Amino acid sequence: QVQLVESGGGLVQPGGSLRLSCAASGRIFNIYDIGWFRQAPGNQRDLVAQITRDITTYADSVKGRFTISRDFAKNTAYLQMNSLKPEDAAVYYCKFTIKTMDGISEYWGQGTQVTVSS
């Protein structure tokens, strides 16, 4: 059984920074794509950043402020968020594409709340 556990959310003032982490555990053969998404109340879940086949992409709204990265040895992904704005407030979710003995599937983290307010 694969589990993704997120951490690092919280309350930050506008202009501040947060670093989100997403750690995968279980019988993992390989992790392919990783991504971060966010969902604000009343909105759909939108892509923030992803690494797909070594290609990194960002939503236009976070380019230059957010950085996605991964640690292969730790099966962990990160999202460094700088210069945070009130409109960045949302629940952030990670998503991994993982190969296990049962095949390749997508797995989601539980979500972590990011609040940007003075």
C-alpha atoms as a PDB file:
ATOM      1  CA  GLN A   1       0.000   0.000   0.000  1.00  0.00           C
ATOM      2  CA  VAL A   2       1.334   3.406  -1.012  1.00  0.00           C
ATOM      3  CA  GLN A   3       0.802   6.488   1.081  1.00  0.00           C
ATOM      4  CA  LEU A   4       1.639  10.129   0.386  1.00  0.00           C
ATOM      5  CA  VAL A   5       2.026  12.373   3.420  1.00  0.00           C
ATOM      6  CA  GLU A   6       2.198  16.136   3.046  1.00  0.00           C
ATOM      7  CA  SER A   7       3.602  18.679   5.464  1.00  0.00           C
ATOM      8  CA  GLY A   8       4.685  22.285   5.602  1.00  0.00           C
ATOM      9  CA  GLY A   9       1.486  24.242   5.221  1.00  0.00           C
ATOM     10  CA  GLY A  10       0.446  27.004   7.551  1.00  0.00           C
ATOM     11  CA  LEU A  11      -0.217  30.697   7.956  1.00  0.00           C
ATOM     12  CA  VAL A  12       2.164  33.182   6.374  1.00  0.00           C
ATOM     13  CA  GLN A  13       2.068  36.902   5.732  1.00  0.00           C
ATOM     14  CA  PRO A  14       1.989  38.265   2.189  1.00  0.00           C
ATOM     15  CA  GLY A  15       5.506  38.236   0.788  1.00  0.00           C
ATOM     16  CA  GLY A  16       6.514  35.345   2.990  1.00  0.00           C
ATOM     17  CA  SER A  17       7.678  31.838   2.127  1.00  0.00           C
ATOM     18  CA  LEU A  18       6.661  28.273   2.820  1.00  0.00           C
ATOM     19  CA  ARG A  19       8.104  24.935   1.801  1.00  0.00           C
ATOM     20  CA  LEU A  20       5.747  22.031   1.278  1.00  0.00           C
ATOM     21  CA  SER A  21       6.894  18.429   1.381  1.00  0.00           C
ATOM     22  CA  CYS A  22       5.263  15.263   0.112  1.00  0.00           C
ATOM     23  CA  ALA A  23       6.780  11.937   1.111  1.00  0.00           C
ATOM     24  CA  ALA A  24       5.765   8.631  -0.432  1.00  0.00           C
ATOM     25  CA  SER A  25       6.036   5.343   1.428  1.00  0.00           C
ATOM     26  CA  GLY A  26       5.168   1.727   0.747  1.00  0.00           C
ATOM     27  CA  ARG A  27       6.192  -0.927  -1.760  1.00  0.00           C
ATOM     28  CA  ILE A  28       7.376   1.504  -4.424  1.00  0.00           C
ATOM     29  CA  PHE A  29       9.259   0.311  -7.481  1.00  0.00           C
ATOM     30  CA  ASN A  30       9.585   3.699  -9.170  1.00  0.00           C
ATOM     31  CA  ILE A  31       8.127   7.206  -9.053  1.00  0.00           C
ATOM     32  CA  TYR A  32       7.532   8.800 -12.407  1.00  0.00           C
ATOM     33  CA  ASP A  33       5.675  12.108 -12.578  1.00  0.00           C
ATOM     34  CA  ILE A  34       5.193  14.366  -9.581  1.00  0.00           C
ATOM     35  CA  GLY A  35       2.916  17.350  -9.292  1.00  0.00           C
ATOM     36  CA  TRP A  36       1.473  19.925  -6.947  1.00  0.00           C
ATOM     37  CA  PHE A  37      -2.106  21.137  -7.234  1.00  0.00           C
ATOM     38  CA  ARG A  38      -4.193  23.564  -5.237  1.00  0.00           C
ATOM     39  CA  GLN A  39      -7.843  24.097  -4.569  1.00  0.00           C
ATOM     40  CA  ALA A  40      -9.408  27.186  -3.068  1.00  0.00           C
ATOM     41  CA  PRO A  41     -12.977  27.114  -1.686  1.00  0.00           C
ATOM     42  CA  GLY A  42     -15.502  27.030  -4.502  1.00  0.00           C
ATOM     43  CA  ASN A  43     -12.836  26.476  -7.127  1.00  0.00           C
ATOM     44  CA  GLN A  44     -11.619  23.468  -9.042  1.00  0.00           C
ATOM     45  CA  ARG A  45      -8.311  21.792  -8.287  1.00  0.00           C
ATOM     46  CA  ASP A  46      -5.668  23.409 -10.492  1.00  0.00           C
ATOM     47  CA  LEU A  47      -2.156  22.429 -11.420  1.00  0.00           C
ATOM     48  CA  VAL A  48       0.541  24.520  -9.757  1.00  0.00           C
ATOM     49  CA  ALA A  49       3.729  22.757 -10.867  1.00  0.00           C
ATOM     50  CA  GLN A  50       4.808  19.389 -12.127  1.00  0.00           C
ATOM     51  CA  ILE A  51       7.794  17.377 -13.259  1.00  0.00           C
ATOM     52  CA  THR A  52       6.869  15.042 -16.101  1.00  0.00           C
ATOM     53  CA  ARG A  53       9.559  13.029 -17.845  1.00  0.00           C
ATOM     54  CA  ASP A  54      12.159  15.500 -16.518  1.00  0.00           C
ATOM     55  CA  ILE A  55      10.221  18.460 -17.913  1.00  0.00           C
ATOM     56  CA  THR A  56       9.196  21.020 -15.314  1.00  0.00           C
ATOM     57  CA  THR A  57       6.155  23.207 -15.852  1.00  0.00           C
ATOM     58  CA  TYR A  58       4.492  25.881 -13.743  1.00  0.00           C
ATOM     59  CA  ALA A  59       1.194  27.650 -13.773  1.00  0.00           C
ATOM     60  CA  ASP A  60       1.646  31.177 -15.067  1.00  0.00           C
ATOM     61  CA  SER A  61       0.463  32.590 -11.763  1.00  0.00           C
ATOM     62  CA  VAL A  62       3.386  31.070  -9.834  1.00  0.00           C
ATOM     63  CA  LYS A  63       6.238  31.287 -12.330  1.00  0.00           C
ATOM     64  CA  GLY A  64       9.297  32.897 -10.802  1.00  0.00           C
ATOM     65  CA  ARG A  65       7.948  32.490  -7.264  1.00  0.00           C
ATOM     66  CA  PHE A  66       7.476  28.734  -6.779  1.00  0.00           C
ATOM     67  CA  THR A  67       9.986  25.951  -7.335  1.00  0.00           C
ATOM     68  CA  ILE A  68       9.200  22.250  -7.541  1.00  0.00           C
ATOM     69  CA  SER A  69      11.893  19.703  -6.776  1.00  0.00           C
ATOM     70  CA  ARG A  70      12.304  16.076  -5.796  1.00  0.00           C
ATOM     71  CA  ASP A  71      14.633  13.898  -3.786  1.00  0.00           C
ATOM     72  CA  PHE A  72      14.803  10.492  -5.456  1.00  0.00           C
ATOM     73  CA  ALA A  73      16.487   8.827  -2.507  1.00  0.00           C
ATOM     74  CA  LYS A  74      13.768   9.959  -0.101  1.00  0.00           C
ATOM     75  CA  ASN A  75      10.792   9.502  -2.470  1.00  0.00           C
ATOM     76  CA  THR A  76       9.910  13.062  -1.602  1.00  0.00           C
ATOM     77  CA  ALA A  77       8.781  16.098  -3.563  1.00  0.00           C
ATOM     78  CA  TYR A  78       8.982  19.701  -2.460  1.00  0.00           C
ATOM     79  CA  LEU A  79       7.315  22.945  -3.386  1.00  0.00           C
ATOM     80  CA  GLN A  80       9.217  26.054  -2.361  1.00  0.00           C
ATOM     81  CA  MET A  81       6.841  28.984  -2.365  1.00  0.00           C
ATOM     82  CA  ASN A  82       8.240  32.505  -2.167  1.00  0.00           C
ATOM     83  CA  SER A  83       6.663  35.951  -2.389  1.00  0.00           C
ATOM     84  CA  LEU A  84       3.332  34.488  -1.393  1.00  0.00           C
ATOM     85  CA  LYS A  85       0.191  36.412  -2.216  1.00  0.00           C
ATOM     86  CA  PRO A  86      -3.288  36.211  -0.688  1.00  0.00           C
ATOM     87  CA  GLU A  87      -4.510  34.574  -3.894  1.00  0.00           C
ATOM     88  CA  ASP A  88      -2.109  31.684  -3.280  1.00  0.00           C
ATOM     89  CA  ALA A  89      -4.178  30.607  -0.288  1.00  0.00           C
ATOM     90  CA  ALA A  90      -5.656  27.157  -0.867  1.00  0.00           C
ATOM     91  CA  VAL A  91      -5.372  23.529   0.075  1.00  0.00           C
ATOM     92  CA  TYR A  92      -2.316  22.142  -1.684  1.00  0.00           C
ATOM     93  CA  TYR A  93      -2.192  18.539  -2.866  1.00  0.00           C
ATOM     94  CA  CYS A  94       0.667  16.476  -4.232  1.00  0.00           C
ATOM     95  CA  LYS A  95       0.198  13.776  -6.815  1.00  0.00           C
ATOM     96  CA  PHE A  96       2.672  11.070  -7.774  1.00  0.00           C
ATOM     97  CA  THR A  97       2.587   8.527 -10.568  1.00  0.00           C
ATOM     98  CA  ILE A  98       4.012   5.398  -8.975  1.00  0.00           C
ATOM     99  CA  LYS A  99       4.864   1.920 -10.131  1.00  0.00           C
ATOM    100  CA  THR A 100       4.194  -0.850  -7.645  1.00  0.00           C
ATOM    101  CA  MET A 101       3.887  -4.599  -8.024  1.00  0.00           C
ATOM    102  CA  ASP A 102       0.273  -3.970  -9.033  1.00  0.00           C
ATOM    103  CA  GLY A 103       1.189  -1.665 -11.893  1.00  0.00           C
ATOM    104  CA  ILE A 104       1.290   2.111 -12.421  1.00  0.00           C
ATOM    105  CA  SER A 105      -1.231   4.337 -10.636  1.00  0.00           C
ATOM    106  CA  GLU A 106      -1.692   7.899  -9.473  1.00  0.00           C
ATOM    107  CA  TYR A 107      -1.680   8.679  -5.768  1.00  0.00           C
ATOM    108  CA  TRP A 108      -2.721  11.854  -3.964  1.00  0.00           C
ATOM    109  CA  GLY A 109      -1.600  13.376  -0.705  1.00  0.00           C
ATOM    110  CA  GLN A 110      -4.096  14.327   1.974  1.00  0.00           C
ATOM    111  CA  GLY A 111      -3.745  18.043   1.335  1.00  0.00           C
ATOM    112  CA  THR A 112      -2.184  20.796   3.397  1.00  0.00           C
ATOM    113  CA  GLN A 113      -3.698  24.210   4.042  1.00  0.00           C
ATOM    114  CA  VAL A 114      -1.815  27.340   3.034  1.00  0.00           C
ATOM    115  CA  THR A 115      -3.182  30.624   4.351  1.00  0.00           C
ATOM    116  CA  VAL A 116      -1.711  33.954   3.271  1.00  0.00           C
ATOM    117  CA  SER A 117      -2.908  36.800   5.393  1.00  0.00           C
ATOM    118  CA  SER A 118      -1.622  39.745   7.374  1.00  0.00           C
END
